[in-house]
C-alpha cells in the first residue's frame, strides 16, 4: 500500500511541477527587461490567486534545479470554499454582466447580483468569482484583449532570432496503397517550423494522426537542432495532450496555444502548407507505393526547393524594420545560417528520458506484467506489487520497469512454445527444476550412517570396559 501511495505521490508532484512551470514560463523570456517582468509577475499572481512571493520561489527553484526543482516536497492540503448551490446560474449571470459592460469590476458584478436578489450579501466572494470568470475567458484582461483585437488591424509578428518560437501543425497528405491487400491509407504530415527563419526542424509523413506523431516530431527536432524557448500549437487534441506538454516542460520549453477561432495567428504554418500542396500535386504523378518513398522525396523537396527558395515573409519582416533586402530575397536556409543566436544541444539521454511514457502495471502471480497484449517477465520478488513502466512510443517493445528499492531494469517478453497449456507461463527463475537425486532421502541416509557409527562406538566402548573389569 505504501508503495502505491508513493507512486501516486510522484505523479501528483509531477503534475504540480507542470502547473508551476506553466505559471512561470512567461517570466523566463531572456529578452524581457526587469520592469516588464515585475509587472507581468504581479499580473500572473493576481490572475491565478497566488502570491508574488510564490512565483519568486518557483523561479528560483527552476533556476537551481530546472523542472525537478518545481516538484513540491509533499502534498499540501487546501481548504476548499463551498460554492452556493446556484453558482452555475450566478456565473452565467456574471458573464452576461461582464459582456454588457466589459469595464465592470467583479465587486460591481457581485453588488448587482446581490441587489437583484440572486444571492445573499456576503455569500459570493470576489476572489472566487474572479477566478471562475477568468477560467471561462471573461477576465478583465481577456475583455481588454478582445477590444484591442477588434480595434486594431492584423499585424505581422516574427521573433527576432531562431529557436525562440517553434510552430507545429498537422496536414493531410496523399493516400498511399499501404494497407491490407493494397488498400489506400490516409497519410498525415507533422511539422515543426522555426518562427523566425521558417526553416523546418523536422517534418515527416505518418500513417496516422495520433499523439505519438507529435511527440516523435518534436523529439527528432530537439535531437537534430537543440532546444528552443517556446512552441506554438493550435487546440487540436494531439497538441493539448498531457504527454507532449509534460515532455516539453521537462526540457524547459514553454507551450503556447492559439486562441480559439484565431486562424490568422497560424499564418506562418498555413503559408508553409501551401508549399506542401505543391509537393503533394507532384507526388501524385510519381505513383508512390510506400511511406518511406514518400518521405524520401519530401526530404529532397524540402532541402532542395523549400529551404533554398526566397521567402516573402522574411523579406516583409526586414522591410517593416526599414532594413535593406537583397533583390533576390532571403531563403529560410540563409536566414537560419546567418542568425547570431547559438544553438543549445542537450544530451541524448536527457531528451530520451523527457519523451518517455510512464504507466503503472501490477505484477501477477507469475511475476509478469501485461503491456499491449504481450506478457513481460519481471522479478519474482515483485509479485503483487504495482510497478512503473517507461517506454518510447516509437519503440514500445522495449520497456523499463522501476520500483522503489530496485535498480530499473529492462523487462523481457516471454516466449511461449507452440505446444503449451492455457496456464500462465512462469518466469524461468520460478520454474520447477528437475533434480538428479532426492536431497531428503540423501539427508536421511547420512543421518542413518551417523547413528550406526554412534551405536558401533557405544558397543566397542562397553566391551572394552567389561574386558578391563574381568582382568582386575
Protein backbone atom coordinates (compact mmCIF):
# COMPACT_ATOMS: atom_id res chain seq x y z
CA UNK A 1 0.00 0.00 0.00
CA UNK A 2 2.80 2.41 0.91
CA UNK A 3 4.46 1.83 -2.45
CA UNK A 4 1.24 2.56 -4.34
CA UNK A 5 0.86 5.75 -2.34
CA UNK A 6 4.44 6.71 -3.20
CA UNK A 7 3.76 6.22 -6.92
CA UNK A 8 0.60 8.33 -6.66
CA UNK A 9 2.56 10.95 -4.78
CA UNK A 10 5.23 11.05 -7.52
CA UNK A 11 2.56 11.50 -10.17
CA UNK A 12 0.97 14.31 -8.16
CA UNK A 13 4.35 16.00 -7.71
CA UNK A 14 4.99 15.91 -11.46
CA UNK A 15 1.55 17.38 -12.17
CA UNK A 16 2.14 20.19 -9.67
CA UNK A 17 5.56 20.85 -11.21
CA UNK A 18 3.93 21.12 -14.63
CA UNK A 19 1.36 23.61 -13.31
CA UNK A 20 4.09 25.70 -11.69
CA UNK A 21 6.19 25.69 -14.85
CA UNK A 22 3.21 26.90 -16.87
CA UNK A 23 2.76 29.74 -14.38
CA UNK A 24 6.36 30.98 -14.58
CA UNK A 25 7.08 30.14 -18.23
CA UNK A 26 6.14 33.66 -19.47
CA UNK A 27 8.67 35.07 -16.97
CA UNK A 28 11.58 33.00 -18.37
CA UNK A 29 11.98 35.00 -21.56
CA UNK A 30 15.52 36.32 -21.87
CA UNK A 31 14.52 39.38 -23.92
CA UNK A 32 12.29 40.84 -21.15
CA UNK A 33 13.53 43.75 -19.02
CA UNK A 34 13.17 43.74 -15.22
CA UNK A 35 10.39 46.31 -15.09
CA UNK A 36 8.20 44.39 -17.53
CA UNK A 37 8.97 41.09 -15.78
CA UNK A 38 7.91 42.62 -12.43
CA UNK A 39 4.65 43.86 -13.92
CA UNK A 40 3.97 40.50 -15.57
CA UNK A 41 4.75 38.66 -12.33
CA UNK A 42 2.16 40.73 -10.47
CA UNK A 43 -0.38 40.12 -13.21
CA UNK A 44 0.15 36.33 -13.13
CA UNK A 45 -0.13 36.32 -9.35
CA UNK A 46 -3.39 38.26 -9.42
CA UNK A 47 -4.95 36.20 -12.23
CA UNK A 48 -4.10 32.88 -10.58
CA UNK A 49 -4.85 33.90 -7.00
CA UNK A 50 -1.33 33.21 -5.71
CA UNK A 51 1.28 35.44 -4.11
CA UNK A 52 4.13 37.14 -5.94
CA UNK A 53 6.42 35.58 -3.36
CA UNK A 54 5.36 32.11 -4.52
CA UNK A 55 6.27 32.99 -8.10
CA UNK A 56 9.70 34.19 -6.95
CA UNK A 57 10.12 30.89 -5.13
CA UNK A 58 9.15 28.87 -8.23
CA UNK A 59 11.53 30.88 -10.44
CA UNK A 60 14.41 30.35 -8.02
CA UNK A 61 13.71 26.63 -7.75
CA UNK A 62 13.62 26.30 -11.53
CA UNK A 63 16.87 28.26 -11.94
CA UNK A 64 18.61 25.96 -9.44
CA UNK A 65 17.22 22.55 -10.38
CA UNK A 66 15.24 23.04 -13.60
CA UNK A 67 11.93 21.14 -13.86
CA UNK A 68 12.63 18.80 -10.95
CA UNK A 69 13.06 21.80 -8.64
CA UNK A 70 9.40 22.67 -9.11
CA UNK A 71 8.16 19.42 -7.58
CA UNK A 72 6.58 20.02 -4.16
CA UNK A 73 8.15 18.23 -1.22
CA UNK A 74 4.83 16.84 -0.04
CA UNK A 75 1.13 17.10 -0.76
CA UNK A 76 -0.39 20.23 0.67
CA UNK A 77 -3.99 20.16 1.75
CA UNK A 78 -6.06 23.13 0.72
CA UNK A 79 -9.33 24.09 2.28
CA UNK A 80 -11.99 24.44 -0.40
CA UNK A 81 -14.69 27.04 -0.09
CA UNK A 82 -18.20 25.69 -0.54
CA UNK A 83 -19.87 27.33 -3.53
CA UNK A 84 -23.52 28.43 -3.42
CA UNK A 85 -25.93 25.81 -4.78
CA UNK A 86 -26.90 28.11 -7.66
CA UNK A 87 -23.29 29.04 -8.51
CA UNK A 88 -23.59 27.91 -12.15
CA UNK A 89 -26.50 30.31 -12.61
CA UNK A 90 -24.62 33.09 -10.81
CA UNK A 91 -21.58 32.58 -13.06
CA UNK A 92 -23.82 32.71 -16.15
CA UNK A 93 -25.32 35.99 -14.96
CA UNK A 94 -21.87 37.36 -14.11
CA UNK A 95 -20.64 36.59 -17.63
CA UNK A 96 -23.66 38.35 -19.07
CA UNK A 97 -22.99 41.41 -16.88
CA UNK A 98 -19.34 41.44 -17.98
CA UNK A 99 -20.38 41.19 -21.65
CA UNK A 100 -22.77 44.12 -21.27
CA UNK A 101 -20.09 46.38 -19.77
CA UNK A 102 -16.56 44.88 -20.02
CA UNK A 103 -15.22 47.53 -17.63
CA UNK A 104 -17.41 46.30 -14.76
CA UNK A 105 -15.36 45.12 -11.81
CA UNK A 106 -16.04 41.84 -10.04
CA UNK A 107 -17.11 43.78 -6.96
CA UNK A 108 -19.71 45.66 -9.05
CA UNK A 109 -20.98 42.41 -10.57
CA UNK A 110 -21.43 40.88 -7.10
CA UNK A 111 -23.23 44.04 -5.95
CA UNK A 112 -25.69 43.74 -8.87
CA UNK A 113 -26.33 40.04 -8.21
CA UNK A 114 -26.96 40.76 -4.53
CA UNK A 115 -29.21 43.73 -5.32
CA UNK A 116 -31.26 41.65 -7.75
CA UNK A 117 -31.77 39.01 -5.04
CA UNK A 118 -29.89 36.19 -6.80
CA UNK A 119 -27.51 35.69 -3.86
CA UNK A 120 -27.45 36.76 -0.24
CA UNK A 121 -24.96 39.50 0.73
CA UNK A 122 -21.52 38.18 1.65
CA UNK A 123 -22.05 34.66 0.24
CA UNK A 124 -20.31 35.22 -3.10
CA UNK A 125 -16.62 36.11 -2.62
CA UNK A 126 -14.71 38.33 -5.06
CA UNK A 127 -11.62 36.04 -5.50
CA UNK A 128 -13.87 33.03 -6.19
CA UNK A 129 -15.97 34.74 -8.86
CA UNK A 130 -12.92 36.43 -10.36
CA UNK A 131 -11.15 33.07 -10.70
CA UNK A 132 -14.13 31.41 -12.39
CA UNK A 133 -14.67 34.35 -14.75
CA UNK A 134 -11.03 34.14 -15.79
CA UNK A 135 -11.27 30.38 -16.42
CA UNK A 136 -14.36 30.99 -18.55
CA UNK A 137 -12.42 33.52 -20.64
CA UNK A 138 -14.15 36.65 -19.32
CA UNK A 139 -11.49 38.13 -17.08
CA UNK A 140 -10.86 41.88 -17.39
CA UNK A 141 -7.59 41.18 -19.21
CA UNK A 142 -9.44 38.94 -21.69
CA UNK A 143 -12.01 41.61 -22.42
CA UNK A 144 -9.28 44.20 -22.90
CA UNK A 145 -7.52 41.98 -25.44
CA UNK A 146 -10.77 41.34 -27.29
CA UNK A 147 -11.39 45.10 -27.58
CA UNK A 148 -7.87 45.75 -28.80
CA UNK A 149 -8.15 42.96 -31.34
CA UNK A 150 -11.34 44.47 -32.76
CA UNK A 151 -9.94 48.00 -32.85
CA UNK A 152 -6.58 47.18 -34.44
CA UNK A 153 -5.76 45.62 -37.76
CA UNK A 154 -3.90 42.35 -38.05
CA UNK A 155 -0.14 42.89 -37.76
CA UNK A 156 2.61 40.55 -38.78
CA UNK A 157 4.80 39.27 -36.00
CA UNK A 158 8.11 37.49 -36.12
CA UNK A 159 10.61 36.53 -33.44
CA UNK A 160 13.95 38.33 -33.85
CA UNK A 161 16.06 35.13 -33.62
CA UNK A 162 15.90 31.46 -34.45
CA UNK A 163 14.79 28.89 -31.84
CA UNK A 164 12.80 31.45 -29.87
CA UNK A 165 9.47 30.06 -31.06
CA UNK A 166 8.67 26.86 -32.96
CA UNK A 167 5.28 26.30 -34.59
CA UNK A 168 3.80 22.84 -35.02
CA UNK A 169 0.88 21.53 -37.04
CA UNK A 170 -0.54 18.54 -38.94
CA UNK A 171 -1.66 18.48 -42.58
CA UNK A 172 -3.41 15.80 -44.62
CA UNK A 173 -1.07 14.11 -47.09
CA UNK A 174 -1.72 11.84 -50.08
CA UNK A 175 -3.37 8.43 -49.76
CA UNK A 176 -0.99 5.52 -50.28
CA UNK A 177 -1.68 1.81 -51.06
CA UNK A 178 -0.03 0.63 -47.84
CA UNK A 179 -2.98 -1.01 -46.12
CA UNK A 180 -4.00 -4.66 -46.13
CA UNK A 181 -4.38 -6.02 -49.64
CA UNK A 182 -3.12 -2.73 -51.01
CA UNK A 183 -5.93 -0.63 -49.52
CA UNK A 184 -5.26 3.11 -49.62
CA UNK A 185 -4.36 4.70 -46.29
CA UNK A 186 -4.54 8.42 -45.47
CA UNK A 187 -1.18 9.97 -44.57
CA UNK A 188 -0.52 13.00 -42.37
CA UNK A 189 2.38 15.45 -42.38
CA UNK A 190 3.57 16.58 -38.94
CA UNK A 191 5.96 19.53 -38.99
CA UNK A 192 7.94 21.73 -36.61
CA UNK A 193 8.95 25.06 -38.20
CA UNK A 194 11.12 27.86 -36.82
CA UNK A 195 9.10 31.07 -36.46
CA UNK A 196 11.96 33.41 -37.39
CA UNK A 197 13.73 31.69 -40.28
CA UNK A 198 10.84 29.45 -41.46
CA UNK A 199 13.30 26.55 -41.53
CA UNK A 200 11.91 23.08 -40.92
CA UNK A 201 13.37 21.50 -37.81
CA UNK A 202 11.63 18.24 -38.61
CA UNK A 203 8.82 17.24 -40.96
CA UNK A 204 7.59 13.76 -41.77
CA UNK A 205 4.58 11.91 -43.18
CA UNK A 206 2.90 9.32 -40.93
CA UNK A 207 0.12 6.80 -41.47
CA UNK A 208 -1.91 8.14 -38.52
CA UNK A 209 -2.56 11.36 -36.64
CA UNK A 210 -2.24 10.12 -33.07
CA UNK A 211 -0.46 11.99 -30.28
CA UNK A 212 2.66 9.87 -30.80
CA UNK A 213 3.49 11.53 -34.14
CA UNK A 214 3.66 14.95 -32.46
CA UNK A 215 5.96 13.57 -29.79
CA UNK A 216 8.18 11.97 -32.44
CA UNK A 217 8.29 15.20 -34.47
CA UNK A 218 9.49 17.33 -31.56
CA UNK A 219 11.72 14.59 -30.18
CA UNK A 220 13.58 14.45 -33.50
CA UNK A 221 13.58 18.25 -33.87
CA UNK A 222 15.30 18.70 -30.49
CA UNK A 223 17.82 15.92 -31.14
CA UNK A 224 18.80 17.45 -34.50
CA UNK A 225 18.77 21.16 -33.74
CA UNK A 226 18.76 21.58 -29.95
CA UNK A 227 16.30 23.07 -27.52
CA UNK A 228 14.20 26.20 -28.00
CA UNK A 229 12.34 28.70 -25.85
CA UNK A 230 8.71 28.01 -26.69
CA UNK A 231 6.40 26.27 -29.13
CA UNK A 232 3.09 27.42 -30.55
CA UNK A 233 0.23 24.98 -31.19
CA UNK A 234 -3.43 25.10 -32.07
CA UNK A 235 -6.01 23.44 -29.83
CA UNK A 236 -6.18 20.07 -31.58
CA UNK A 237 -6.41 17.04 -29.30
CA UNK A 238 -2.86 15.95 -30.21
CA UNK A 239 -1.42 19.29 -29.07
CA UNK A 240 -3.31 19.69 -25.80
CA UNK A 241 -2.45 16.14 -24.70
CA UNK A 242 -0.78 15.79 -21.32
CA UNK A 243 2.30 13.89 -22.56
CA UNK A 244 3.60 16.45 -25.10
CA UNK A 245 3.15 19.30 -22.60
CA UNK A 246 4.88 17.29 -19.91
CA UNK A 247 7.81 16.26 -22.17
CA UNK A 248 8.49 19.79 -23.41
CA UNK A 249 8.12 21.29 -19.93
CA UNK A 250 10.73 18.87 -18.55
CA UNK A 251 13.14 20.33 -21.10
CA UNK A 252 12.27 23.89 -20.10
CA UNK A 253 10.20 24.62 -23.22
CA UNK A 254 7.05 26.71 -22.83
CA UNK A 255 3.88 25.60 -24.61
CA UNK A 256 1.63 28.31 -26.05
CA UNK A 257 -1.76 27.60 -27.62
CA UNK A 258 -3.53 29.71 -30.22
CA UNK A 259 -6.76 31.34 -29.17
CA UNK A 260 -9.88 29.51 -30.38
CA UNK A 261 -11.01 30.50 -33.89
CA UNK A 262 -7.85 32.56 -34.40
CA UNK A 263 -6.81 31.45 -37.88
CA UNK A 264 -4.55 34.45 -38.51
CA UNK A 265 -2.27 33.52 -35.62
CA UNK A 266 -1.30 30.36 -37.51
CA UNK A 267 -0.42 32.25 -40.67
CA UNK A 268 3.18 31.03 -40.97
CA UNK A 269 2.39 27.35 -40.79
CA UNK A 270 -0.61 27.77 -43.09
CA UNK A 271 1.60 29.54 -45.64
CA UNK A 272 4.02 26.65 -45.40
CA UNK A 273 1.19 24.21 -46.04
CA UNK A 274 0.60 25.88 -49.39
CA UNK A 275 4.11 24.78 -50.33
CA UNK A 276 3.22 21.27 -49.13
CA UNK A 277 0.26 21.31 -51.54
CA UNK A 278 2.74 21.86 -54.40
CA UNK A 279 4.66 18.77 -53.33
CA UNK A 280 1.51 16.64 -52.97
CA UNK A 281 0.43 17.52 -56.51
CA UNK A 282 3.82 16.48 -57.85
CA UNK A 283 3.97 13.33 -55.71
CA UNK A 284 0.74 12.01 -57.24
CA UNK A 285 2.48 11.86 -60.60
CA UNK A 286 5.20 9.57 -59.19
CA UNK A 287 2.91 6.69 -58.28
CA UNK A 288 4.44 6.35 -54.80
CA UNK A 289 3.79 2.96 -53.18
CA UNK A 290 5.37 3.28 -49.73
CA UNK A 291 5.62 5.71 -46.83
CA UNK A 292 9.43 5.54 -46.89
CA UNK A 293 9.49 6.60 -50.53
CA UNK A 294 7.08 9.47 -49.84
CA UNK A 295 9.28 10.76 -47.00
CA UNK A 296 12.46 10.35 -49.08
CA UNK A 297 11.03 12.55 -51.83
CA UNK A 298 9.62 15.02 -49.29
CA UNK A 299 13.05 15.42 -47.66
CA UNK A 300 14.59 16.14 -51.07
CA UNK A 301 11.82 18.64 -51.87
CA UNK A 302 12.31 20.45 -48.55
CA UNK A 303 16.12 20.61 -48.78
CA UNK A 304 16.48 21.46 -52.46
CA UNK A 305 13.40 23.63 -53.01
CA UNK A 306 11.67 24.99 -49.91
CA UNK A 307 14.80 25.81 -47.87
CA UNK A 308 16.62 27.33 -50.87
CA UNK A 309 13.73 29.38 -52.27
CA UNK A 310 13.40 33.04 -51.23
CA UNK A 311 10.63 33.57 -48.70
CA UNK A 312 8.34 36.60 -48.96
CA UNK A 313 7.58 36.59 -45.24
CA UNK A 314 11.27 37.02 -44.33
CA UNK A 315 11.64 39.92 -46.75
CA UNK A 316 8.49 41.61 -45.43
CA UNK A 317 9.78 41.30 -41.86
CA UNK A 318 13.03 43.13 -42.63
CA UNK A 319 11.29 45.71 -44.80
CA UNK A 320 8.98 46.53 -41.88
CA UNK A 321 12.11 47.25 -39.82
CA UNK A 322 13.49 49.54 -42.51
CA UNK A 323 16.33 47.13 -43.37
CA UNK A 324 17.60 46.58 -46.89
CA UNK A 325 16.67 43.28 -48.51
CA UNK A 326 18.66 41.75 -51.38
CA UNK A 327 16.91 41.81 -54.74
CA UNK A 328 16.90 38.01 -54.91
CA UNK A 329 15.33 37.83 -51.46
CA UNK A 330 16.30 35.70 -48.46
CA UNK A 331 15.82 31.95 -48.19
CA UNK A 332 14.92 30.07 -44.97
CA UNK A 333 18.30 28.33 -45.04
CA UNK A 334 20.18 31.62 -45.45
CA UNK A 335 18.26 33.24 -42.61
CA UNK A 336 18.85 30.23 -40.36
CA UNK A 337 22.60 30.08 -41.04
CA UNK A 338 23.29 33.78 -40.60
CA UNK A 339 21.45 34.08 -37.27
CA UNK A 340 23.77 35.07 -34.42
CA UNK A 341 21.93 33.14 -31.73
CA UNK A 342 23.87 29.93 -30.85
CA UNK A 343 22.14 26.56 -30.80
CA UNK A 344 21.82 24.74 -27.47
CA UNK A 345 22.08 20.97 -27.74
CA UNK A 346 21.03 18.59 -24.98
CA UNK A 347 22.38 15.18 -24.04
CA UNK A 348 20.62 12.44 -25.98
CA UNK A 349 19.73 10.57 -22.77
CA UNK A 350 18.14 13.69 -21.27
CA UNK A 351 15.95 14.19 -24.33
CA UNK A 352 15.04 10.50 -24.45
CA UNK A 353 14.02 10.50 -20.78
CA UNK A 354 11.78 13.55 -21.27
CA UNK A 355 9.81 11.85 -24.06
CA UNK A 356 9.33 8.51 -22.29
CA UNK A 357 5.79 7.45 -21.46
CA UNK A 358 5.10 6.28 -17.91
CA UNK A 359 2.37 3.87 -16.83
CA UNK A 360 1.58 1.58 -13.92
CA UNK A 361 1.18 -2.20 -14.05
CA UNK A 362 0.51 -4.81 -11.36
CA UNK A 363 2.82 -7.82 -11.31
CA UNK A 364 0.72 -11.01 -11.47
CA UNK A 365 1.21 -14.30 -9.64
CA UNK A 366 3.60 -15.47 -12.33
CA UNK A 367 5.89 -12.46 -11.83
CA UNK A 368 4.74 -10.98 -15.15
CA UNK A 369 3.09 -7.81 -16.41
CA UNK A 370 0.93 -7.27 -19.49
CA UNK A 371 1.63 -4.47 -21.94
CA UNK A 372 -0.15 -4.07 -25.28
CA UNK A 373 -1.23 -7.71 -25.23
CA UNK A 374 2.26 -9.09 -24.54
CA UNK A 375 3.49 -10.70 -21.32
CA UNK A 376 6.78 -9.42 -19.91
CA UNK A 377 8.85 -11.10 -17.19
CA UNK A 378 9.84 -9.00 -14.16
CA UNK A 379 11.15 -10.34 -10.84
CA UNK A 380 9.53 -12.91 -8.50
CA UNK A 381 10.02 -10.55 -5.55
CA UNK A 382 7.70 -8.01 -7.22
CA UNK A 383 4.69 -10.34 -7.34
CA UNK A 384 1.57 -8.49 -6.21
CA UNK A 385 3.20 -5.04 -6.37
CA UNK A 386 2.41 -2.15 -8.68
CA UNK A 387 5.43 -1.11 -10.73
CA UNK A 388 6.07 1.82 -13.05
CA UNK A 389 6.95 1.08 -16.66
CA UNK A 390 8.51 3.56 -19.06
CA UNK A 391 8.81 3.23 -22.82
CA UNK A 392 9.38 5.16 -26.01
CA UNK A 393 6.14 5.19 -28.07
CA UNK A 394 8.27 4.91 -31.21
CA UNK A 395 9.76 1.63 -29.87
CA UNK A 396 7.17 0.26 -27.41
CA UNK A 397 8.66 -3.25 -27.48
CA UNK A 398 11.40 -2.10 -25.05
CA UNK A 399 10.04 -1.28 -21.61
CA UNK A 400 11.88 -0.38 -18.41
CA UNK A 401 10.48 -1.42 -15.03
CA UNK A 402 11.03 0.77 -11.95
CA UNK A 403 10.18 0.08 -8.33
CA UNK A 404 11.44 1.76 -5.13
CA UNK A 405 14.47 -0.07 -3.78
CA UNK A 406 15.30 -1.74 -7.10
CA UNK A 407 17.58 -0.70 -9.93
CA UNK A 408 15.46 -0.04 -13.05
CA UNK A 409 15.67 -2.99 -15.44
CA UNK A 410 14.51 -3.89 -18.93
CA UNK A 411 11.67 -6.41 -18.96
CA UNK A 412 11.92 -9.22 -21.47
CA UNK A 413 8.88 -10.59 -23.34
CA UNK A 414 8.08 -14.20 -22.52
CA UNK A 415 8.50 -16.64 -25.38
CA UNK A 416 5.82 -19.33 -25.41
CA UNK A 417 6.34 -22.53 -27.41
CA UNK A 418 3.86 -23.88 -29.94
CA UNK A 419 2.66 -26.62 -27.57
CA UNK A 420 1.61 -25.27 -24.20
CA UNK A 421 -1.36 -25.31 -21.89
CA UNK A 422 -3.54 -22.33 -21.02
CA UNK A 423 -1.97 -21.80 -17.63
CA UNK A 424 0.24 -18.69 -17.35
CA UNK A 425 3.89 -19.38 -18.02
CA UNK A 426 6.15 -18.90 -15.00
CA UNK A 427 9.41 -17.00 -15.32
CA UNK A 428 12.48 -19.20 -15.72
CA UNK A 429 13.65 -18.23 -12.24
CA UNK A 430 10.42 -19.62 -10.73
CA UNK A 431 10.03 -22.75 -12.84
CA UNK A 432 10.39 -26.13 -11.11
CA UNK A 433 13.84 -27.64 -11.65
CA UNK A 434 14.18 -31.45 -12.14
CA UNK A 435 16.75 -32.70 -9.55
CA UNK A 436 19.24 -35.51 -10.10
CA UNK A 437 18.57 -37.06 -6.65
CA UNK A 438 16.37 -36.78 -3.53
CA UNK A 439 18.14 -34.48 -1.13
CA UNK A 440 15.64 -35.52 1.57
CA UNK A 441 16.47 -39.24 1.29
CA UNK A 442 20.16 -38.42 0.98
CA UNK A 443 19.95 -36.49 4.25
CA UNK A 444 18.17 -39.39 5.97
CA UNK A 445 20.80 -41.78 4.65
CA UNK A 446 23.58 -39.60 6.07
CA UNK A 447 21.74 -39.33 9.39
CA UNK A 448 21.32 -43.13 9.47
CA UNK A 449 25.04 -43.69 8.83
CA UNK A 450 25.93 -41.34 11.68
CA UNK A 451 23.52 -43.15 14.01
CA UNK A 452 25.06 -46.54 13.13
CA UNK A 453 28.56 -45.20 13.84
CA UNK A 454 27.44 -43.94 17.25
CA UNK A 455 25.95 -47.39 18.08
CA UNK A 456 29.10 -49.15 16.97
CA UNK A 457 31.25 -46.84 19.06
CA UNK A 458 29.00 -47.42 22.10
CA UNK A 459 29.22 -51.24 21.74
CA UNK A 460 33.01 -51.11 21.37
CA UNK A 461 33.35 -48.98 24.50
CA UNK A 462 31.09 -51.30 26.53
CA UNK A 463 33.15 -54.36 25.50
CA UNK A 464 36.36 -52.55 26.46
CA UNK A 465 35.06 -51.77 29.97
CA UNK A 466 33.87 -55.38 30.53
CA UNK A 467 37.25 -56.77 29.49
CA UNK A 468 39.04 -54.36 31.80
CA UNK A 469 36.87 -55.34 34.78
CA UNK A 470 37.47 -59.04 34.14
CA UNK A 471 41.24 -58.53 34.22
CA UNK A 472 41.01 -56.88 37.61
